[in-house]
Amino acid sequence: MDRGKKVLLNFLIFNSRAVLTRGNYQLSIINYQLMKALPVVMRYKIWWWCIVMVERVWGVWEVWEVWEVWEVWEVWGVWEVWEVWEREKKLKNIYLHH
């Protein structure tokens, strides 16, 4: 992975935590602009990576079920990614329980 992509991903991970804790919303606006410029599949991949990292750091899968999460998705306007994320979550649950 080249340095530019690494910087972008680190920034997005940091911000996903900031938004999760009702932190710096200004950053989420900057992120939204960055994400809009990317294709849907790439947005999804970056988001999935952020979610996995937050889960790893916080140890809280369930946090994505709470109301604040809906705010994040509304602000980012990436409902098409949400649908893919729902499918992934189901796959993960199936994997965990077998």
PDB file of N, CA and C in Angstrom:
ATOM      1  N   MET A   1       0.850  -1.202   0.000  1.00  0.00           N
ATOM      2  CA  MET A   1       0.000   0.000   0.000  1.00  0.00           C
ATOM      3  C   MET A   1       0.884   1.250   0.000  1.00  0.00           C
ATOM      4  N   ASP A   2       0.602   2.170  -0.922  1.00  0.00           N
ATOM      5  CA  ASP A   2       1.436   3.372  -0.967  1.00  0.00           C
ATOM      6  C   ASP A   2       1.099   4.311   0.187  1.00  0.00           C
ATOM      7  N   ARG A   3       2.006   5.233   0.432  1.00  0.00           N
ATOM      8  CA  ARG A   3       1.901   6.108   1.609  1.00  0.00           C
ATOM      9  C   ARG A   3       0.612   6.929   1.618  1.00  0.00           C
ATOM     10  N   GLY A   4       0.196   7.413   0.440  1.00  0.00           N
ATOM     11  CA  GLY A   4      -1.018   8.234   0.338  1.00  0.00           C
ATOM     12  C   GLY A   4      -2.255   7.489   0.827  1.00  0.00           C
ATOM     13  N   LYS A   5      -2.381   6.239   0.383  1.00  0.00           N
ATOM     14  CA  LYS A   5      -3.530   5.428   0.789  1.00  0.00           C
ATOM     15  C   LYS A   5      -3.489   5.158   2.282  1.00  0.00           C
ATOM     16  N   LYS A   6      -2.287   4.916   2.805  1.00  0.00           N
ATOM     17  CA  LYS A   6      -2.128   4.635   4.231  1.00  0.00           C
ATOM     18  C   LYS A   6      -2.568   5.834   5.069  1.00  0.00           C
ATOM     19  N   VAL A   7      -2.151   7.031   4.637  1.00  0.00           N
ATOM     20  CA  VAL A   7      -2.517   8.261   5.340  1.00  0.00           C
ATOM     21  C   VAL A   7      -4.034   8.437   5.318  1.00  0.00           C
ATOM     22  N   LEU A   8      -4.657   8.238   4.153  1.00  0.00           N
ATOM     23  CA  LEU A   8      -6.106   8.370   4.018  1.00  0.00           C
ATOM     24  C   LEU A   8      -6.829   7.382   4.928  1.00  0.00           C
ATOM     25  N   LEU A   9      -6.387   6.132   4.928  1.00  0.00           N
ATOM     26  CA  LEU A   9      -7.035   5.109   5.756  1.00  0.00           C
ATOM     27  C   LEU A   9      -6.878   5.406   7.245  1.00  0.00           C
ATOM     28  N   ASN A  10      -5.693   5.834   7.638  1.00  0.00           N
ATOM     29  CA  ASN A  10      -5.477   6.191   9.050  1.00  0.00           C
ATOM     30  C   ASN A  10      -6.389   7.339   9.459  1.00  0.00           C
ATOM     31  N   PHE A  11      -6.508   8.318   8.572  1.00  0.00           N
ATOM     32  CA  PHE A  11      -7.375   9.468   8.820  1.00  0.00           C
ATOM     33  C   PHE A  11      -8.827   9.022   8.990  1.00  0.00           C
ATOM     34  N   LEU A  12      -9.268   8.114   8.104  1.00  0.00           N
ATOM     35  CA  LEU A  12     -10.644   7.620   8.158  1.00  0.00           C
ATOM     36  C   LEU A  12     -10.898   6.806   9.414  1.00  0.00           C
ATOM     37  N   ILE A  13      -9.928   6.014   9.827  1.00  0.00           N
ATOM     38  CA  ILE A  13     -10.084   5.220  11.054  1.00  0.00           C
ATOM     39  C   ILE A  13     -10.184   6.147  12.248  1.00  0.00           C
ATOM     40  N   PHE A  14      -9.289   7.110  12.312  1.00  0.00           N
ATOM     41  CA  PHE A  14      -9.332   8.077  13.412  1.00  0.00           C
ATOM     42  C   PHE A  14     -10.698   8.747  13.463  1.00  0.00           C
ATOM     43  N   ASN A  15     -11.181   9.171  12.292  1.00  0.00           N
ATOM     44  CA  ASN A  15     -12.449   9.882  12.258  1.00  0.00           C
ATOM     45  C   ASN A  15     -13.625   8.984  12.562  1.00  0.00           C
ATOM     46  N   SER A  16     -13.571   7.722  12.169  1.00  0.00           N
ATOM     47  CA  SER A  16     -14.683   6.825  12.477  1.00  0.00           C
ATOM     48  C   SER A  16     -14.840   6.725  13.992  1.00  0.00           C
ATOM     49  N   ARG A  17     -13.726   6.768  14.713  1.00  0.00           N
ATOM     50  CA  ARG A  17     -13.791   6.744  16.183  1.00  0.00           C
ATOM     51  C   ARG A  17     -14.304   8.086  16.720  1.00  0.00           C
ATOM     52  N   ALA A  18     -13.882   9.174  16.092  1.00  0.00           N
ATOM     53  CA  ALA A  18     -14.330  10.504  16.528  1.00  0.00           C
ATOM     54  C   ALA A  18     -15.843  10.636  16.375  1.00  0.00           C
ATOM     55  N   VAL A  19     -16.361  10.176  15.241  1.00  0.00           N
ATOM     56  CA  VAL A  19     -17.803  10.243  14.987  1.00  0.00           C
ATOM     57  C   VAL A  19     -18.539   9.318  15.945  1.00  0.00           C
ATOM     58  N   LEU A  20     -17.972   8.146  16.162  1.00  0.00           N
ATOM     59  CA  LEU A  20     -18.592   7.156  17.045  1.00  0.00           C
ATOM     60  C   LEU A  20     -18.787   7.715  18.448  1.00  0.00           C
ATOM     61  N   THR A  21     -17.861   8.547  18.882  1.00  0.00           N
ATOM     62  CA  THR A  21     -17.943   9.112  20.235  1.00  0.00           C
ATOM     63  C   THR A  21     -18.545  10.526  20.217  1.00  0.00           C
ATOM     64  N   ARG A  22     -19.311  10.834  19.169  1.00  0.00           N
ATOM     65  CA  ARG A  22     -19.906  12.173  19.012  1.00  0.00           C
ATOM     66  C   ARG A  22     -18.826  13.255  19.094  1.00  0.00           C
ATOM     67  N   GLY A  23     -17.713  12.942  18.490  1.00  0.00           N
ATOM     68  CA  GLY A  23     -16.557  13.831  18.532  1.00  0.00           C
ATOM     69  C   GLY A  23     -16.603  14.923  17.483  1.00  0.00           C
ATOM     70  N   ASN A  24     -15.544  15.025  16.724  1.00  0.00           N
ATOM     71  CA  ASN A  24     -15.361  16.138  15.813  1.00  0.00           C
ATOM     72  C   ASN A  24     -16.148  15.963  14.510  1.00  0.00           C
ATOM     73  N   TYR A  25     -17.287  16.622  14.421  1.00  0.00           N
ATOM     74  CA  TYR A  25     -18.132  16.492  13.236  1.00  0.00           C
ATOM     75  C   TYR A  25     -17.542  17.210  12.022  1.00  0.00           C
ATOM     76  N   GLN A  26     -16.687  18.188  12.284  1.00  0.00           N
ATOM     77  CA  GLN A  26     -16.036  18.886  11.178  1.00  0.00           C
ATOM     78  C   GLN A  26     -15.220  17.889  10.355  1.00  0.00           C
ATOM     79  N   LEU A  27     -14.537  16.976  11.055  1.00  0.00           N
ATOM     80  CA  LEU A  27     -13.753  15.948  10.367  1.00  0.00           C
ATOM     81  C   LEU A  27     -14.640  15.066   9.509  1.00  0.00           C
ATOM     82  N   SER A  28     -15.849  14.769  10.003  1.00  0.00           N
ATOM     83  CA  SER A  28     -16.730  13.894   9.231  1.00  0.00           C
ATOM     84  C   SER A  28     -17.140  14.555   7.912  1.00  0.00           C
ATOM     85  N   ILE A  29     -17.231  15.883   7.911  1.00  0.00           N
ATOM     86  CA  ILE A  29     -17.574  16.604   6.675  1.00  0.00           C
ATOM     87  C   ILE A  29     -16.424  16.477   5.678  1.00  0.00           C
ATOM     88  N   ILE A  30     -15.201  16.619   6.163  1.00  0.00           N
ATOM     89  CA  ILE A  30     -14.021  16.455   5.302  1.00  0.00           C
ATOM     90  C   ILE A  30     -14.002  15.023   4.757  1.00  0.00           C
ATOM     91  N   ASN A  31     -14.238  14.062   5.632  1.00  0.00           N
ATOM     92  CA  ASN A  31     -14.265  12.662   5.220  1.00  0.00           C
ATOM     93  C   ASN A  31     -15.339  12.406   4.176  1.00  0.00           C
ATOM     94  N   TYR A  32     -16.495  13.028   4.371  1.00  0.00           N
ATOM     95  CA  TYR A  32     -17.600  12.841   3.430  1.00  0.00           C
ATOM     96  C   TYR A  32     -17.180  13.274   2.031  1.00  0.00           C
ATOM     97  N   GLN A  33     -16.478  14.398   1.954  1.00  0.00           N
ATOM     98  CA  GLN A  33     -15.990  14.885   0.653  1.00  0.00           C
ATOM     99  C   GLN A  33     -15.012  13.885   0.032  1.00  0.00           C
ATOM    100  N   LEU A  34     -14.121  13.349   0.873  1.00  0.00           N
ATOM    101  CA  LEU A  34     -13.158  12.355   0.382  1.00  0.00           C
ATOM    102  C   LEU A  34     -13.872  11.104  -0.115  1.00  0.00           C
ATOM    103  N   MET A  35     -14.833  10.634   0.679  1.00  0.00           N
ATOM    104  CA  MET A  35     -15.521   9.391   0.348  1.00  0.00           C
ATOM    105  C   MET A  35     -16.369   9.539  -0.913  1.00  0.00           C
ATOM    106  N   LYS A  36     -16.987  10.701  -1.103  1.00  0.00           N
ATOM    107  CA  LYS A  36     -17.833  10.925  -2.284  1.00  0.00           C
ATOM    108  C   LYS A  36     -17.041  10.791  -3.575  1.00  0.00           C
ATOM    109  N   ALA A  37     -15.757  11.095  -3.495  1.00  0.00           N
ATOM    110  CA  ALA A  37     -14.907  11.040  -4.681  1.00  0.00           C
ATOM    111  C   ALA A  37     -14.532   9.601  -5.054  1.00  0.00           C
ATOM    112  N   LEU A  38     -14.790   8.674  -4.149  1.00  0.00           N
ATOM    113  CA  LEU A  38     -14.403   7.276  -4.389  1.00  0.00           C
ATOM    114  C   LEU A  38     -15.568   6.459  -4.937  1.00  0.00           C
ATOM    115  N   PRO A  39     -15.239   5.400  -5.707  1.00  0.00           N
ATOM    116  CA  PRO A  39     -16.312   4.511  -6.168  1.00  0.00           C
ATOM    117  C   PRO A  39     -16.957   3.785  -4.981  1.00  0.00           C
ATOM    118  N   VAL A  40     -18.185   3.336  -5.159  1.00  0.00           N
ATOM    119  CA  VAL A  40     -18.941   2.697  -4.091  1.00  0.00           C
ATOM    120  C   VAL A  40     -18.188   1.515  -3.475  1.00  0.00           C
ATOM    121  N   VAL A  41     -17.613   0.672  -4.324  1.00  0.00           N
ATOM    122  CA  VAL A  41     -16.919  -0.513  -3.808  1.00  0.00           C
ATOM    123  C   VAL A  41     -15.755  -0.103  -2.916  1.00  0.00           C
ATOM    124  N   MET A  42     -15.024   0.927  -3.324  1.00  0.00           N
ATOM    125  CA  MET A  42     -13.886   1.400  -2.529  1.00  0.00           C
ATOM    126  C   MET A  42     -14.375   2.006  -1.211  1.00  0.00           C
ATOM    127  N   ARG A  43     -15.475   2.763  -1.272  1.00  0.00           N
ATOM    128  CA  ARG A  43     -16.055   3.322  -0.050  1.00  0.00           C
ATOM    129  C   ARG A  43     -16.390   2.210   0.923  1.00  0.00           C
ATOM    130  N   TYR A  44     -17.005   1.181   0.381  1.00  0.00           N
ATOM    131  CA  TYR A  44     -17.401   0.046   1.226  1.00  0.00           C
ATOM    132  C   TYR A  44     -16.183  -0.614   1.862  1.00  0.00           C
ATOM    133  N   LYS A  45     -15.141  -0.835   1.060  1.00  0.00           N
ATOM    134  CA  LYS A  45     -13.934  -1.490   1.584  1.00  0.00           C
ATOM    135  C   LYS A  45     -13.298  -0.677   2.700  1.00  0.00           C
ATOM    136  N   ILE A  46     -13.211   0.628   2.496  1.00  0.00           N
ATOM    137  CA  ILE A  46     -12.619   1.504   3.515  1.00  0.00           C
ATOM    138  C   ILE A  46     -13.493   1.495   4.767  1.00  0.00           C
ATOM    139  N   TRP A  47     -14.816   1.590   4.570  1.00  0.00           N
ATOM    140  CA  TRP A  47     -15.716   1.592   5.727  1.00  0.00           C
ATOM    141  C   TRP A  47     -15.628   0.296   6.503  1.00  0.00           C
ATOM    142  N   TRP A  48     -15.599  -0.818   5.770  1.00  0.00           N
ATOM    143  CA  TRP A  48     -15.519  -2.124   6.438  1.00  0.00           C
ATOM    144  C   TRP A  48     -14.247  -2.191   7.281  1.00  0.00           C
ATOM    145  N   TRP A  49     -13.155  -1.689   6.711  1.00  0.00           N
ATOM    146  CA  TRP A  49     -11.865  -1.697   7.416  1.00  0.00           C
ATOM    147  C   TRP A  49     -11.952  -0.840   8.681  1.00  0.00           C
ATOM    148  N   CYS A  50     -12.593   0.337   8.570  1.00  0.00           N
ATOM    149  CA  CYS A  50     -12.786   1.210   9.736  1.00  0.00           C
ATOM    150  C   CYS A  50     -13.586   0.501  10.813  1.00  0.00           C
ATOM    151  N   ILE A  51     -14.654  -0.162  10.400  1.00  0.00           N
ATOM    152  CA  ILE A  51     -15.530  -0.848  11.352  1.00  0.00           C
ATOM    153  C   ILE A  51     -14.776  -1.960  12.070  1.00  0.00           C
ATOM    154  N   VAL A  52     -14.014  -2.716  11.309  1.00  0.00           N
ATOM    155  CA  VAL A  52     -13.231  -3.812  11.904  1.00  0.00           C
ATOM    156  C   VAL A  52     -12.219  -3.250  12.903  1.00  0.00           C
ATOM    157  N   MET A  53     -11.564  -2.143  12.536  1.00  0.00           N
ATOM    158  CA  MET A  53     -10.573  -1.548  13.428  1.00  0.00           C
ATOM    159  C   MET A  53     -11.220  -1.011  14.701  1.00  0.00           C
ATOM    160  N   VAL A  54     -12.377  -0.362  14.562  1.00  0.00           N
ATOM    161  CA  VAL A  54     -13.084   0.155  15.739  1.00  0.00           C
ATOM    162  C   VAL A  54     -13.494  -0.996  16.642  1.00  0.00           C
ATOM    163  N   GLU A  55     -13.992  -2.062  16.027  1.00  0.00           N
ATOM    164  CA  GLU A  55     -14.391  -3.236  16.798  1.00  0.00           C
ATOM    165  C   GLU A  55     -13.204  -3.797  17.559  1.00  0.00           C
ATOM    166  N   ARG A  56     -12.062  -3.855  16.890  1.00  0.00           N
ATOM    167  CA  ARG A  56     -10.854  -4.414  17.496  1.00  0.00           C
ATOM    168  C   ARG A  56     -10.375  -3.556  18.672  1.00  0.00           C
ATOM    169  N   VAL A  57     -10.385  -2.227  18.440  1.00  0.00           N
ATOM    170  CA  VAL A  57      -9.903  -1.292  19.460  1.00  0.00           C
ATOM    171  C   VAL A  57     -10.877  -1.219  20.642  1.00  0.00           C
ATOM    172  N   TRP A  58     -12.165  -1.126  20.334  1.00  0.00           N
ATOM    173  CA  TRP A  58     -13.175  -0.941  21.375  1.00  0.00           C
ATOM    174  C   TRP A  58     -13.691  -2.257  21.939  1.00  0.00           C
ATOM    175  N   GLY A  59     -13.583  -3.333  21.104  1.00  0.00           N
ATOM    176  CA  GLY A  59     -14.145  -4.618  21.494  1.00  0.00           C
ATOM    177  C   GLY A  59     -15.660  -4.557  21.601  1.00  0.00           C
ATOM    178  N   VAL A  60     -16.275  -3.742  20.752  1.00  0.00           N
ATOM    179  CA  VAL A  60     -17.728  -3.579  20.829  1.00  0.00           C
ATOM    180  C   VAL A  60     -18.383  -3.701  19.452  1.00  0.00           C
ATOM    181  N   TRP A  61     -18.779  -4.910  19.107  1.00  0.00           N
ATOM    182  CA  TRP A  61     -19.488  -5.120  17.846  1.00  0.00           C
ATOM    183  C   TRP A  61     -20.871  -4.475  17.923  1.00  0.00           C
ATOM    184  N   GLU A  62     -21.520  -4.590  19.094  1.00  0.00           N
ATOM    185  CA  GLU A  62     -22.902  -4.138  19.274  1.00  0.00           C
ATOM    186  C   GLU A  62     -23.067  -2.630  19.120  1.00  0.00           C
ATOM    187  N   VAL A  63     -21.981  -1.888  19.265  1.00  0.00           N
ATOM    188  CA  VAL A  63     -22.090  -0.430  19.192  1.00  0.00           C
ATOM    189  C   VAL A  63     -22.663   0.000  17.836  1.00  0.00           C
ATOM    190  N   TRP A  64     -22.499  -0.830  16.823  1.00  0.00           N
ATOM    191  CA  TRP A  64     -23.014  -0.484  15.496  1.00  0.00           C
ATOM    192  C   TRP A  64     -24.525  -0.664  15.399  1.00  0.00           C
ATOM    193  N   GLU A  65     -25.136  -1.157  16.479  1.00  0.00           N
ATOM    194  CA  GLU A  65     -26.587  -1.308  16.485  1.00  0.00           C
ATOM    195  C   GLU A  65     -27.285  -0.065  17.027  1.00  0.00           C
ATOM    196  N   VAL A  66     -26.549   0.815  17.672  1.00  0.00           N
ATOM    197  CA  VAL A  66     -27.172   1.946  18.362  1.00  0.00           C
ATOM    198  C   VAL A  66     -27.491   3.107  17.426  1.00  0.00           C
ATOM    199  N   TRP A  67     -28.310   4.019  17.933  1.00  0.00           N
ATOM    200  CA  TRP A  67     -28.827   5.119  17.119  1.00  0.00           C
ATOM    201  C   TRP A  67     -27.754   5.988  16.484  1.00  0.00           C
ATOM    202  N   GLU A  68     -26.666   6.250  17.201  1.00  0.00           N
ATOM    203  CA  GLU A  68     -25.610   7.123  16.684  1.00  0.00           C
ATOM    204  C   GLU A  68     -25.105   6.659  15.320  1.00  0.00           C
ATOM    205  N   VAL A  69     -25.099   5.384  15.114  1.00  0.00           N
ATOM    206  CA  VAL A  69     -24.620   4.831  13.852  1.00  0.00           C
ATOM    207  C   VAL A  69     -25.486   5.305  12.691  1.00  0.00           C
ATOM    208  N   TRP A  70     -26.784   5.340  12.912  1.00  0.00           N
ATOM    209  CA  TRP A  70     -27.676   5.793  11.849  1.00  0.00           C
ATOM    210  C   TRP A  70     -27.356   7.227  11.463  1.00  0.00           C
ATOM    211  N   GLU A  71     -26.990   8.038  12.439  1.00  0.00           N
ATOM    212  CA  GLU A  71     -26.596   9.419  12.159  1.00  0.00           C
ATOM    213  C   GLU A  71     -25.381   9.458  11.242  1.00  0.00           C
ATOM    214  N   VAL A  72     -24.410   8.614  11.550  1.00  0.00           N
ATOM    215  CA  VAL A  72     -23.179   8.572  10.746  1.00  0.00           C
ATOM    216  C   VAL A  72     -23.525   8.240   9.295  1.00  0.00           C
ATOM    217  N   TRP A  73     -24.349   7.221   9.097  1.00  0.00           N
ATOM    218  CA  TRP A  73     -24.684   6.813   7.728  1.00  0.00           C
ATOM    219  C   TRP A  73     -25.483   7.881   7.012  1.00  0.00           C
ATOM    220  N   GLU A  74     -26.358   8.580   7.750  1.00  0.00           N
ATOM    221  CA  GLU A  74     -27.138   9.661   7.132  1.00  0.00           C
ATOM    222  C   GLU A  74     -26.231  10.798   6.692  1.00  0.00           C
ATOM    223  N   VAL A  75     -25.289  11.170   7.549  1.00  0.00           N
ATOM    224  CA  VAL A  75     -24.370  12.267   7.249  1.00  0.00           C
ATOM    225  C   VAL A  75     -23.516  11.921   6.030  1.00  0.00           C
ATOM    226  N   TRP A  76     -23.038  10.689   5.977  1.00  0.00           N
ATOM    227  CA  TRP A  76     -22.144  10.282   4.884  1.00  0.00           C
ATOM    228  C   TRP A  76     -22.895   9.988   3.605  1.00  0.00           C
ATOM    229  N   GLY A  77     -24.188   9.716   3.722  1.00  0.00           N
ATOM    230  CA  GLY A  77     -24.996   9.439   2.537  1.00  0.00           C
ATOM    231  C   GLY A  77     -24.536   8.213   1.779  1.00  0.00           C
ATOM    232  N   VAL A  78     -24.205   7.154   2.503  1.00  0.00           N
ATOM    233  CA  VAL A  78     -23.714   5.944   1.831  1.00  0.00           C
ATOM    234  C   VAL A  78     -24.593   4.741   2.186  1.00  0.00           C
ATOM    235  N   TRP A  79     -25.879   4.879   1.907  1.00  0.00           N
ATOM    236  CA  TRP A  79     -26.813   3.787   2.223  1.00  0.00           C
ATOM    237  C   TRP A  79     -26.526   2.553   1.404  1.00  0.00           C
ATOM    238  N   GLU A  80     -26.016   2.720   0.179  1.00  0.00           N
ATOM    239  CA  GLU A  80     -25.694   1.540  -0.644  1.00  0.00           C
ATOM    240  C   GLU A  80     -24.611   0.710   0.031  1.00  0.00           C
ATOM    241  N   VAL A  81     -23.730   1.378   0.769  1.00  0.00           N
ATOM    242  CA  VAL A  81     -22.683   0.666   1.502  1.00  0.00           C
ATOM    243  C   VAL A  81     -23.297  -0.024   2.723  1.00  0.00           C
ATOM    244  N   TRP A  82     -24.245   0.631   3.347  1.00  0.00           N
ATOM    245  CA  TRP A  82     -24.930   0.056   4.516  1.00  0.00           C
ATOM    246  C   TRP A  82     -25.534  -1.306   4.168  1.00  0.00           C
ATOM    247  N   GLU A  83     -26.142  -1.406   2.979  1.00  0.00           N
ATOM    248  CA  GLU A  83     -26.759  -2.660   2.554  1.00  0.00           C
ATOM    249  C   GLU A  83     -25.723  -3.763   2.440  1.00  0.00           C
ATOM    250  N   VAL A  84     -24.571  -3.445   1.890  1.00  0.00           N
ATOM    251  CA  VAL A  84     -23.498  -4.436   1.771  1.00  0.00           C
ATOM    252  C   VAL A  84     -23.005  -4.819   3.166  1.00  0.00           C
ATOM    253  N   TRP A  85     -22.871  -3.830   4.030  1.00  0.00           N
ATOM    254  CA  TRP A  85     -22.423  -4.057   5.410  1.00  0.00           C
ATOM    255  C   TRP A  85     -23.372  -4.997   6.136  1.00  0.00           C
ATOM    256  N   GLU A  86     -24.687  -4.819   5.949  1.00  0.00           N
ATOM    257  CA  GLU A  86     -25.683  -5.703   6.561  1.00  0.00           C
ATOM    258  C   GLU A  86     -25.463  -7.143   6.107  1.00  0.00           C
ATOM    259  N   ARG A  87     -25.199  -7.326   4.826  1.00  0.00           N
ATOM    260  CA  ARG A  87     -24.950  -8.677   4.295  1.00  0.00           C
ATOM    261  C   ARG A  87     -23.694  -9.271   4.911  1.00  0.00           C
ATOM    262  N   GLU A  88     -22.652  -8.457   5.022  1.00  0.00           N
ATOM    263  CA  GLU A  88     -21.395  -8.926   5.612  1.00  0.00           C
ATOM    264  C   GLU A  88     -21.604  -9.339   7.062  1.00  0.00           C
ATOM    265  N   LYS A  89     -22.403  -8.548   7.787  1.00  0.00           N
ATOM    266  CA  LYS A  89     -22.647  -8.822   9.196  1.00  0.00           C
ATOM    267  C   LYS A  89     -23.336 -10.175   9.348  1.00  0.00           C
ATOM    268  N   LYS A  90     -24.318 -10.429   8.473  1.00  0.00           N
ATOM    269  CA  LYS A  90     -25.014 -11.720   8.496  1.00  0.00           C
ATOM    270  C   LYS A  90     -24.035 -12.846   8.222  1.00  0.00           C
ATOM    271  N   LEU A  91     -23.168 -12.646   7.255  1.00  0.00           N
ATOM    272  CA  LEU A  91     -22.164 -13.667   6.934  1.00  0.00           C
ATOM    273  C   LEU A  91     -21.247 -13.906   8.128  1.00  0.00           C
ATOM    274  N   LYS A  92     -20.853 -12.837   8.792  1.00  0.00           N
ATOM    275  CA  LYS A  92     -19.985 -12.972   9.962  1.00  0.00           C
ATOM    276  C   LYS A  92     -20.695 -13.754  11.059  1.00  0.00           C
ATOM    277  N   ASN A  93     -21.972 -13.435  11.296  1.00  0.00           N
ATOM    278  CA  ASN A  93     -22.747 -14.139  12.318  1.00  0.00           C
ATOM    279  C   ASN A  93     -22.864 -15.627  12.003  1.00  0.00           C
ATOM    280  N   ILE A  94     -23.101 -15.934  10.734  1.00  0.00           N
ATOM    281  CA  ILE A  94     -23.193 -17.335  10.315  1.00  0.00           C
ATOM    282  C   ILE A  94     -21.863 -18.031  10.582  1.00  0.00           C
ATOM    283  N   TYR A  95     -20.783 -17.338  10.227  1.00  0.00           N
ATOM    284  CA  TYR A  95     -19.441 -17.898  10.411  1.00  0.00           C
ATOM    285  C   TYR A  95     -19.141 -18.133  11.896  1.00  0.00           C
ATOM    286  N   LEU A  96     -19.523 -17.168  12.752  1.00  0.00           N
ATOM    287  CA  LEU A  96     -19.245 -17.272  14.184  1.00  0.00           C
ATOM    288  C   LEU A  96     -20.023 -18.387  14.857  1.00  0.00           C
ATOM    289  N   HIS A  97     -21.201 -18.693  14.338  1.00  0.00           N
ATOM    290  CA  HIS A  97     -22.071 -19.671  15.003  1.00  0.00           C
ATOM    291  C   HIS A  97     -22.010 -21.071  14.403  1.00  0.00           C
ATOM    292  N   HIS A  98     -21.025 -21.311  13.532  1.00  0.00           N
ATOM    293  CA  HIS A  98     -20.885 -22.658  12.950  1.00  0.00           C
ATOM    294  C   HIS A  98     -19.479 -23.188  13.131  1.00  0.00           C
TER     295      HIS A  98
END
